[in-house]
Amino acid sequence: MRKVINVLTAVAVGLASWGVGSVAADDLEDARVIVTAKSNTVKKWHYPPRFVVVHDQPVDQPAFAEVTDFIAAATGLPIEQPTFVNLTDATFDPRFYTASRYSPRKTESGQMTSDLLIAQKEDLQLSANIFVFMVSPPLASHFIALTAYGRYTGNLTRSYVQGSGPCYFKVLSNGESIHFGTILIAPTIDPQMQKACIYEEMVQAMGLMNDAQDSPFFTFDNLAEEKPRDYDQRLLEALYDPRIRNGDEVDQVLNIYASLR
C-alpha cells in the first residue's frame, strides 16, 4: 500500500561493526528499507498508542482485534483494543467543516495525545494517538486536512477520492517517541483488502515506515498475496527491543533482527 512517508532508498551494508559479522541474508536488505525512518535512523513508540476508529460503514472489528494483539505481543506494549466511533447515523451540518478541530497536546512527560472535535448536531470529542478513518471521501478529505498538523499531503486526498490507493498512514514524532498519526482506509474495498490494509497500516504505524517493493519475505511490499508474518514480527520485535531508542541507527535494529533468526 502507498504511504504518506517518503520511501527511503537504501542498500544493504555490512553489519560487522554491530556484531553481525558476515551474516548475509536477502531479507536484511528489505528489512533495512522497511525500518529506515530518516537519515539512517529509526522511529518507535515509547508508550502504548491509543487507536480510535472513525467509520461510517461496517468495518472488520475482529481484524482490528487480531492486529492489536499481534502488535502488543511483538512490541511488549500494553496496547488496548481500538475504540470504534460509528458515524453512520450522524447528522452533520455546515459546522462540521467550520468548527471541527484537531489538536495534539502533552499528557505527561514524554507522552502526548490528540484531541479531535467532530462538530455535528451533537458534537463528538475524541482523544487518541492514532485516528483510523474509514469514511466516505467527503468526510475523509476534511479529516485529512484537519489532522495534517502542519504537514498536509495534497496527493493523499486526490489518490483516495480517485480510488488509486486503498489505504495510507502517516506518523509524526520528536526525539523521544512517535506521538501521533493518522490511518486512512477506504471503507468500500473488498473485505480481504480491508483486512490486509488494517494489518499493514496499523503495524507500519508502529515504526516500520516503508514498503520493500516485491519482497518475498515481508508483507509490506505492495503485493496482494498472503504471506506468513514471521519476518514482520521479528523486525517489529527487534525495533522494540529495550536497547533501541527513538532515533537510533538502523544497524542497531538489524543486528538484533539477525539474532532472532
C-alpha atoms as a PDB file:
ATOM      1  CA  MET A   1       0.000   0.000   0.000  1.00  0.00           C
ATOM      2  CA  ARG A   2       1.166   3.535  -0.648  1.00  0.00           C
ATOM      3  CA  LYS A   3       2.407   5.557   2.271  1.00  0.00           C
ATOM      4  CA  VAL A   4       2.453   9.228   3.123  1.00  0.00           C
ATOM      5  CA  ILE A   5       6.018   8.971   4.353  1.00  0.00           C
ATOM      6  CA  ASN A   6       8.600   9.019   1.609  1.00  0.00           C
ATOM      7  CA  VAL A   7      10.209   5.645   0.999  1.00  0.00           C
ATOM      8  CA  LEU A   8      13.922   5.985   1.584  1.00  0.00           C
ATOM      9  CA  THR A   9      16.228   4.353  -0.915  1.00  0.00           C
ATOM     10  CA  ALA A  10      18.734   2.162   0.844  1.00  0.00           C
ATOM     11  CA  VAL A  11      21.205  -0.604   0.080  1.00  0.00           C
ATOM     12  CA  ALA A  12      22.422  -3.388   2.292  1.00  0.00           C
ATOM     13  CA  VAL A  13      25.683  -2.652   4.103  1.00  0.00           C
ATOM     14  CA  GLY A  14      27.975  -4.759   6.235  1.00  0.00           C
ATOM     15  CA  LEU A  15      26.890  -5.166   9.841  1.00  0.00           C
ATOM     16  CA  ALA A  16      30.206  -6.366  11.249  1.00  0.00           C
ATOM     17  CA  SER A  17      30.627  -3.242  13.372  1.00  0.00           C
ATOM     18  CA  TRP A  18      27.446  -4.196  15.241  1.00  0.00           C
ATOM     19  CA  GLY A  19      28.465  -7.797  15.849  1.00  0.00           C
ATOM     20  CA  VAL A  20      26.617  -9.450  12.980  1.00  0.00           C
ATOM     21  CA  GLY A  21      29.889 -10.382  11.327  1.00  0.00           C
ATOM     22  CA  SER A  22      29.480 -11.950   7.937  1.00  0.00           C
ATOM     23  CA  VAL A  23      25.781 -12.757   8.294  1.00  0.00           C
ATOM     24  CA  ALA A  24      24.276 -12.398   4.836  1.00  0.00           C
ATOM     25  CA  ALA A  25      20.608 -12.777   4.006  1.00  0.00           C
ATOM     26  CA  ASP A  26      18.427 -11.278   1.312  1.00  0.00           C
ATOM     27  CA  ASP A  27      15.821 -10.241   3.857  1.00  0.00           C
ATOM     28  CA  LEU A  28      18.273  -7.844   5.566  1.00  0.00           C
ATOM     29  CA  GLU A  29      18.142  -5.516   2.583  1.00  0.00           C
ATOM     30  CA  ASP A  30      14.339  -5.482   2.705  1.00  0.00           C
ATOM     31  CA  ALA A  31      14.397  -5.031   6.482  1.00  0.00           C
ATOM     32  CA  ARG A  32      16.689  -2.018   6.104  1.00  0.00           C
ATOM     33  CA  VAL A  33      14.303  -0.343   3.678  1.00  0.00           C
ATOM     34  CA  ILE A  34      11.255  -1.023   5.872  1.00  0.00           C
ATOM     35  CA  VAL A  35      12.661   0.158   9.202  1.00  0.00           C
ATOM     36  CA  THR A  36      14.578   3.243   7.987  1.00  0.00           C
ATOM     37  CA  ALA A  37      12.771   6.423   9.003  1.00  0.00           C
ATOM     38  CA  LYS A  38      15.139   9.351   8.427  1.00  0.00           C
ATOM     39  CA  SER A  39      18.869   9.733   7.867  1.00  0.00           C
ATOM     40  CA  ASN A  40      19.524   6.052   8.597  1.00  0.00           C
ATOM     41  CA  THR A  41      17.692   6.200  11.936  1.00  0.00           C
ATOM     42  CA  VAL A  42      14.545   4.550  13.268  1.00  0.00           C
ATOM     43  CA  LYS A  43      11.313   5.711  14.894  1.00  0.00           C
ATOM     44  CA  LYS A  44       9.269   3.907  17.519  1.00  0.00           C
ATOM     45  CA  TRP A  45       6.726   4.447  20.274  1.00  0.00           C
ATOM     46  CA  HIS A  46       7.956   4.523  23.859  1.00  0.00           C
ATOM     47  CA  TYR A  47       4.480   4.238  25.311  1.00  0.00           C
ATOM     48  CA  PRO A  48       1.361   2.402  24.094  1.00  0.00           C
ATOM     49  CA  PRO A  49      -0.568   4.393  21.478  1.00  0.00           C
ATOM     50  CA  ARG A  50      -4.340   4.573  21.686  1.00  0.00           C
ATOM     51  CA  PHE A  51      -6.285   3.817  18.490  1.00  0.00           C
ATOM     52  CA  VAL A  52      -9.715   5.254  17.664  1.00  0.00           C
ATOM     53  CA  VAL A  53     -11.505   4.040  14.512  1.00  0.00           C
ATOM     54  CA  VAL A  54     -13.957   6.525  12.987  1.00  0.00           C
ATOM     55  CA  HIS A  55     -16.196   4.908  10.372  1.00  0.00           C
ATOM     56  CA  ASP A  56     -19.455   5.441   8.524  1.00  0.00           C
ATOM     57  CA  GLN A  57     -19.819   1.913   7.096  1.00  0.00           C
ATOM     58  CA  PRO A  58     -19.342  -1.538   8.644  1.00  0.00           C
ATOM     59  CA  VAL A  59     -15.723  -2.384   9.477  1.00  0.00           C
ATOM     60  CA  ASP A  60     -13.947  -5.632  10.288  1.00  0.00           C
ATOM     61  CA  GLN A  61     -13.661  -5.293  14.066  1.00  0.00           C
ATOM     62  CA  PRO A  62     -12.221  -8.814  14.546  1.00  0.00           C
ATOM     63  CA  ALA A  63      -9.391  -7.868  12.169  1.00  0.00           C
ATOM     64  CA  PHE A  64      -8.603  -4.841  14.325  1.00  0.00           C
ATOM     65  CA  ALA A  65      -8.607  -7.047  17.423  1.00  0.00           C
ATOM     66  CA  GLU A  66      -6.265  -9.577  15.807  1.00  0.00           C
ATOM     67  CA  VAL A  67      -3.794  -6.910  14.673  1.00  0.00           C
ATOM     68  CA  THR A  68      -3.845  -5.169  18.053  1.00  0.00           C
ATOM     69  CA  ASP A  69      -2.949  -8.462  19.739  1.00  0.00           C
ATOM     70  CA  PHE A  70      -0.181  -9.033  17.167  1.00  0.00           C
ATOM     71  CA  ILE A  71       1.324  -5.592  17.830  1.00  0.00           C
ATOM     72  CA  ALA A  72       1.083  -5.953  21.604  1.00  0.00           C
ATOM     73  CA  ALA A  73       2.819  -9.339  21.510  1.00  0.00           C
ATOM     74  CA  ALA A  74       5.621  -8.152  19.206  1.00  0.00           C
ATOM     75  CA  THR A  75       6.286  -4.821  20.915  1.00  0.00           C
ATOM     76  CA  GLY A  76       5.573  -5.695  24.534  1.00  0.00           C
ATOM     77  CA  LEU A  77       3.445  -2.555  24.841  1.00  0.00           C
ATOM     78  CA  PRO A  78       0.109  -2.952  26.678  1.00  0.00           C
ATOM     79  CA  ILE A  79      -1.965  -1.658  23.776  1.00  0.00           C
ATOM     80  CA  GLU A  80      -5.714  -1.592  24.335  1.00  0.00           C
ATOM     81  CA  GLN A  81      -8.233  -2.626  21.718  1.00  0.00           C
ATOM     82  CA  PRO A  82      -9.368   0.270  19.476  1.00  0.00           C
ATOM     83  CA  THR A  83     -12.436   2.341  20.259  1.00  0.00           C
ATOM     84  CA  PHE A  84     -14.958   2.417  17.402  1.00  0.00           C
ATOM     85  CA  VAL A  85     -16.948   5.556  16.640  1.00  0.00           C
ATOM     86  CA  ASN A  86     -19.811   4.960  14.196  1.00  0.00           C
ATOM     87  CA  LEU A  87     -20.881   7.998  12.161  1.00  0.00           C
ATOM     88  CA  THR A  88     -23.393   6.098  10.039  1.00  0.00           C
ATOM     89  CA  ASP A  89     -26.391   7.819  11.573  1.00  0.00           C
ATOM     90  CA  ALA A  90     -24.638  11.055  12.489  1.00  0.00           C
ATOM     91  CA  THR A  91     -26.375  14.270  11.499  1.00  0.00           C
ATOM     92  CA  PHE A  92     -23.930  16.783  10.060  1.00  0.00           C
ATOM     93  CA  ASP A  93     -24.436  20.444   9.369  1.00  0.00           C
ATOM     94  CA  PRO A  94     -22.051  23.116   7.963  1.00  0.00           C
ATOM     95  CA  ARG A  95     -20.347  23.322  11.359  1.00  0.00           C
ATOM     96  CA  PHE A  96     -18.577  20.069  10.550  1.00  0.00           C
ATOM     97  CA  TYR A  97     -16.406  21.998   8.082  1.00  0.00           C
ATOM     98  CA  THR A  98     -16.010  25.156  10.161  1.00  0.00           C
ATOM     99  CA  ALA A  99     -15.941  24.076  13.783  1.00  0.00           C
ATOM    100  CA  SER A 100     -14.255  20.636  13.816  1.00  0.00           C
ATOM    101  CA  ARG A 101     -10.836  20.807  15.447  1.00  0.00           C
ATOM    102  CA  TYR A 102      -7.733  18.630  15.886  1.00  0.00           C
ATOM    103  CA  SER A 103      -5.064  19.476  18.444  1.00  0.00           C
ATOM    104  CA  PRO A 104      -2.176  17.396  19.827  1.00  0.00           C
ATOM    105  CA  ARG A 105      -1.246  18.007  23.461  1.00  0.00           C
ATOM    106  CA  LYS A 106       1.133  16.679  26.093  1.00  0.00           C
ATOM    107  CA  THR A 107      -0.332  14.338  28.684  1.00  0.00           C
ATOM    108  CA  GLU A 108       2.741  13.654  30.801  1.00  0.00           C
ATOM    109  CA  SER A 109       6.499  13.672  30.452  1.00  0.00           C
ATOM    110  CA  GLY A 110       7.452  12.221  27.077  1.00  0.00           C
ATOM    111  CA  GLN A 111       3.869  11.406  26.112  1.00  0.00           C
ATOM    112  CA  MET A 112       1.183  13.075  24.025  1.00  0.00           C
ATOM    113  CA  THR A 113      -2.331  12.549  22.746  1.00  0.00           C
ATOM    114  CA  SER A 114      -4.504  14.193  20.103  1.00  0.00           C
ATOM    115  CA  ASP A 115      -7.956  15.660  20.638  1.00  0.00           C
ATOM    116  CA  LEU A 116     -10.442  15.571  17.775  1.00  0.00           C
ATOM    117  CA  LEU A 117     -13.682  17.520  17.930  1.00  0.00           C
ATOM    118  CA  ILE A 118     -16.153  16.326  15.287  1.00  0.00           C
ATOM    119  CA  ALA A 119     -18.696  19.113  15.002  1.00  0.00           C
ATOM    120  CA  GLN A 120     -22.231  17.998  14.198  1.00  0.00           C
ATOM    121  CA  LYS A 121     -25.690  18.336  15.724  1.00  0.00           C
ATOM    122  CA  GLU A 122     -24.296  16.625  18.809  1.00  0.00           C
ATOM    123  CA  ASP A 123     -20.551  17.232  18.906  1.00  0.00           C
ATOM    124  CA  LEU A 124     -18.121  14.352  19.490  1.00  0.00           C
ATOM    125  CA  GLN A 125     -14.930  14.901  21.495  1.00  0.00           C
ATOM    126  CA  LEU A 126     -12.396  12.116  20.898  1.00  0.00           C
ATOM    127  CA  SER A 127      -8.836  11.533  22.082  1.00  0.00           C
ATOM    128  CA  ALA A 128      -6.289   9.152  20.568  1.00  0.00           C
ATOM    129  CA  ASN A 129      -2.706   8.836  19.417  1.00  0.00           C
ATOM    130  CA  ILE A 130      -3.717   7.312  16.096  1.00  0.00           C
ATOM    131  CA  PHE A 131      -7.029   8.004  14.399  1.00  0.00           C
ATOM    132  CA  VAL A 132      -8.125   5.455  11.812  1.00  0.00           C
ATOM    133  CA  PHE A 133     -10.611   6.955   9.343  1.00  0.00           C
ATOM    134  CA  MET A 134     -12.776   4.553   7.338  1.00  0.00           C
ATOM    135  CA  VAL A 135     -15.256   7.043   5.961  1.00  0.00           C
ATOM    136  CA  SER A 136     -16.669   8.272   2.647  1.00  0.00           C
ATOM    137  CA  PRO A 137     -14.451  10.594   0.556  1.00  0.00           C
ATOM    138  CA  PRO A 138     -16.088  13.936   1.521  1.00  0.00           C
ATOM    139  CA  LEU A 139     -15.597  13.204   5.224  1.00  0.00           C
ATOM    140  CA  ALA A 140     -12.173  11.713   4.636  1.00  0.00           C
ATOM    141  CA  SER A 141     -10.967  14.797   2.783  1.00  0.00           C
ATOM    142  CA  HIS A 142     -11.866  17.023   5.708  1.00  0.00           C
ATOM    143  CA  PHE A 143     -10.386  14.669   8.291  1.00  0.00           C
ATOM    144  CA  ILE A 144      -7.141  14.532   6.275  1.00  0.00           C
ATOM    145  CA  ALA A 145      -6.920  18.317   6.262  1.00  0.00           C
ATOM    146  CA  LEU A 146      -7.775  18.529   9.972  1.00  0.00           C
ATOM    147  CA  THR A 147      -5.189  16.011  11.141  1.00  0.00           C
ATOM    148  CA  ALA A 148      -2.336  17.127   8.877  1.00  0.00           C
ATOM    149  CA  TYR A 149      -0.860  19.169  11.733  1.00  0.00           C
ATOM    150  CA  GLY A 150       1.409  21.260   9.559  1.00  0.00           C
ATOM    151  CA  ARG A 151       2.231  18.502   7.092  1.00  0.00           C
ATOM    152  CA  TYR A 152      -0.552  18.431   4.529  1.00  0.00           C
ATOM    153  CA  THR A 153      -0.169  15.913   1.723  1.00  0.00           C
ATOM    154  CA  GLY A 154      -2.330  17.030  -1.177  1.00  0.00           C
ATOM    155  CA  ASN A 155      -1.964  13.863  -3.241  1.00  0.00           C
ATOM    156  CA  LEU A 156      -3.350  11.833  -0.338  1.00  0.00           C
ATOM    157  CA  THR A 157      -6.804  13.327  -0.774  1.00  0.00           C
ATOM    158  CA  ARG A 158      -6.648  13.082  -4.560  1.00  0.00           C
ATOM    159  CA  SER A 159      -5.486   9.462  -4.551  1.00  0.00           C
ATOM    160  CA  TYR A 160      -8.142   8.438  -2.064  1.00  0.00           C
ATOM    161  CA  VAL A 161     -11.006  10.161  -3.879  1.00  0.00           C
ATOM    162  CA  GLN A 162      -9.827   8.891  -7.267  1.00  0.00           C
ATOM    163  CA  GLY A 163      -9.552   5.356  -5.940  1.00  0.00           C
ATOM    164  CA  SER A 164      -5.882   4.856  -6.867  1.00  0.00           C
ATOM    165  CA  GLY A 165      -4.908   3.658  -3.392  1.00  0.00           C
ATOM    166  CA  PRO A 166      -6.990   1.909  -0.738  1.00  0.00           C
ATOM    167  CA  CYS A 167      -5.048   2.810   2.402  1.00  0.00           C
ATOM    168  CA  TYR A 168      -2.363   5.078   3.824  1.00  0.00           C
ATOM    169  CA  PHE A 169      -0.692   6.048   7.075  1.00  0.00           C
ATOM    170  CA  LYS A 170       1.416   8.873   8.418  1.00  0.00           C
ATOM    171  CA  VAL A 171       3.007   9.399  11.819  1.00  0.00           C
ATOM    172  CA  LEU A 172       4.796  12.295  13.491  1.00  0.00           C
ATOM    173  CA  SER A 173       7.448  12.143  16.182  1.00  0.00           C
ATOM    174  CA  ASN A 174      10.109  14.065  18.044  1.00  0.00           C
ATOM    175  CA  GLY A 175      13.387  12.931  19.572  1.00  0.00           C
ATOM    176  CA  GLU A 176      11.628  10.948  22.290  1.00  0.00           C
ATOM    177  CA  SER A 177       8.966   8.907  20.531  1.00  0.00           C
ATOM    178  CA  ILE A 178       6.390   8.689  17.800  1.00  0.00           C
ATOM    179  CA  HIS A 179       3.481  10.611  19.289  1.00  0.00           C
ATOM    180  CA  PHE A 180       0.533  10.640  16.895  1.00  0.00           C
ATOM    181  CA  GLY A 181      -0.607   9.616  13.464  1.00  0.00           C
ATOM    182  CA  THR A 182      -3.431   9.040  11.014  1.00  0.00           C
ATOM    183  CA  ILE A 183      -4.534   5.973   9.073  1.00  0.00           C
ATOM    184  CA  LEU A 184      -6.944   6.167   6.148  1.00  0.00           C
ATOM    185  CA  ILE A 185      -8.658   3.049   4.782  1.00  0.00           C
ATOM    186  CA  ALA A 186     -11.306   3.153   2.079  1.00  0.00           C
ATOM    187  CA  PRO A 187     -14.462   1.643   3.625  1.00  0.00           C
ATOM    188  CA  THR A 188     -15.875   0.141   0.423  1.00  0.00           C
ATOM    189  CA  ILE A 189     -12.928  -2.007  -0.652  1.00  0.00           C
ATOM    190  CA  ASP A 190     -13.056  -5.791  -0.855  1.00  0.00           C
ATOM    191  CA  PRO A 191     -13.222  -7.390   2.629  1.00  0.00           C
ATOM    192  CA  GLN A 192      -9.924  -9.203   2.140  1.00  0.00           C
ATOM    193  CA  MET A 193      -8.225  -5.980   1.069  1.00  0.00           C
ATOM    194  CA  GLN A 194      -9.759  -4.176   4.046  1.00  0.00           C
ATOM    195  CA  LYS A 195      -8.326  -6.818   6.354  1.00  0.00           C
ATOM    196  CA  ALA A 196      -4.919  -6.541   4.680  1.00  0.00           C
ATOM    197  CA  CYS A 197      -4.992  -2.748   4.983  1.00  0.00           C
ATOM    198  CA  ILE A 198      -5.899  -2.880   8.668  1.00  0.00           C
ATOM    199  CA  TYR A 199      -2.916  -5.121   9.335  1.00  0.00           C
ATOM    200  CA  GLU A 200      -0.402  -3.276   7.192  1.00  0.00           C
ATOM    201  CA  GLU A 201      -1.233   0.294   8.201  1.00  0.00           C
ATOM    202  CA  MET A 202      -1.521  -0.414  11.933  1.00  0.00           C
ATOM    203  CA  VAL A 203       1.733  -2.384  12.054  1.00  0.00           C
ATOM    204  CA  GLN A 204       3.672   0.103   9.961  1.00  0.00           C
ATOM    205  CA  ALA A 205       2.377   2.996  12.062  1.00  0.00           C
ATOM    206  CA  MET A 206       4.332   1.426  14.933  1.00  0.00           C
ATOM    207  CA  GLY A 207       7.582   2.330  13.169  1.00  0.00           C
ATOM    208  CA  LEU A 208       8.019   0.068  10.128  1.00  0.00           C
ATOM    209  CA  MET A 209       7.943   3.065   7.856  1.00  0.00           C
ATOM    210  CA  ASN A 210       8.297   1.866   4.278  1.00  0.00           C
ATOM    211  CA  ASP A 211       7.381  -0.796   1.757  1.00  0.00           C
ATOM    212  CA  ALA A 212      10.031  -3.177   0.395  1.00  0.00           C
ATOM    213  CA  GLN A 213       8.831  -3.489  -3.180  1.00  0.00           C
ATOM    214  CA  ASP A 214       8.197  -7.077  -4.331  1.00  0.00           C
ATOM    215  CA  SER A 215       9.710  -8.516  -1.152  1.00  0.00           C
ATOM    216  CA  PRO A 216       9.463 -12.312  -0.929  1.00  0.00           C
ATOM    217  CA  PHE A 217       9.758 -12.056   2.853  1.00  0.00           C
ATOM    218  CA  PHE A 218       7.783  -9.141   4.274  1.00  0.00           C
ATOM    219  CA  THR A 219       4.121  -8.292   3.765  1.00  0.00           C
ATOM    220  CA  PHE A 220       4.938  -4.595   3.219  1.00  0.00           C
ATOM    221  CA  ASP A 221       5.592  -4.977  -0.489  1.00  0.00           C
ATOM    222  CA  ASN A 222       2.552  -3.748  -2.465  1.00  0.00           C
ATOM    223  CA  LEU A 223       1.691  -7.321  -3.423  1.00  0.00           C
ATOM    224  CA  ALA A 224      -1.728  -8.866  -2.897  1.00  0.00           C
ATOM    225  CA  GLU A 225      -0.752 -12.397  -1.952  1.00  0.00           C
ATOM    226  CA  GLU A 226      -0.841 -13.521   1.657  1.00  0.00           C
ATOM    227  CA  LYS A 227       2.430 -14.486   3.304  1.00  0.00           C
ATOM    228  CA  PRO A 228       3.395 -15.605   6.805  1.00  0.00           C
ATOM    229  CA  ARG A 229       4.053 -12.696   9.151  1.00  0.00           C
ATOM    230  CA  ASP A 230       7.175 -14.203  10.711  1.00  0.00           C
ATOM    231  CA  TYR A 231       9.554 -11.659   9.169  1.00  0.00           C
ATOM    232  CA  ASP A 232       7.246  -8.762  10.067  1.00  0.00           C
ATOM    233  CA  GLN A 233       7.070  -9.963  13.648  1.00  0.00           C
ATOM    234  CA  ARG A 234      10.831 -10.375  14.042  1.00  0.00           C
ATOM    235  CA  LEU A 235      11.541  -6.911  12.659  1.00  0.00           C
ATOM    236  CA  LEU A 236       8.942  -5.332  14.950  1.00  0.00           C
ATOM    237  CA  GLU A 237      10.364  -7.270  17.907  1.00  0.00           C
ATOM    238  CA  ALA A 238      13.849  -6.015  17.052  1.00  0.00           C
ATOM    239  CA  LEU A 239      12.667  -2.411  16.792  1.00  0.00           C
ATOM    240  CA  TYR A 240      11.010  -2.682  20.213  1.00  0.00           C
ATOM    241  CA  ASP A 241      13.943  -4.306  21.943  1.00  0.00           C
ATOM    242  CA  PRO A 242      14.512  -2.265  25.143  1.00  0.00           C
ATOM    243  CA  ARG A 243      18.018  -1.381  23.953  1.00  0.00           C
ATOM    244  CA  ILE A 244      16.626   0.556  20.976  1.00  0.00           C
ATOM    245  CA  ARG A 245      15.676   4.194  21.413  1.00  0.00           C
ATOM    246  CA  ASN A 246      13.846   6.521  19.051  1.00  0.00           C
ATOM    247  CA  GLY A 247      16.461   7.958  16.680  1.00  0.00           C
ATOM    248  CA  ASP A 248      18.969   5.088  16.984  1.00  0.00           C
ATOM    249  CA  GLU A 249      20.787   3.911  13.877  1.00  0.00           C
ATOM    250  CA  VAL A 250      19.167   1.294  11.657  1.00  0.00           C
ATOM    251  CA  ASP A 251      22.099  -1.120  12.008  1.00  0.00           C
ATOM    252  CA  GLN A 252      21.392  -1.483  15.718  1.00  0.00           C
ATOM    253  CA  VAL A 253      17.924  -2.823  14.913  1.00  0.00           C
ATOM    254  CA  LEU A 254      19.186  -5.044  12.100  1.00  0.00           C
ATOM    255  CA  ASN A 255      21.778  -6.555  14.432  1.00  0.00           C
ATOM    256  CA  ILE A 256      19.014  -7.615  16.834  1.00  0.00           C
ATOM    257  CA  TYR A 257      16.783  -8.726  13.964  1.00  0.00           C
ATOM    258  CA  ALA A 258      19.531 -11.015  12.604  1.00  0.00           C
ATOM    259  CA  SER A 259      19.974 -12.564  16.049  1.00  0.00           C
ATOM    260  CA  LEU A 260      16.287 -13.555  16.158  1.00  0.00           C
ATOM    261  CA  ARG A 261      16.525 -15.968  13.211  1.00  0.00           C
END
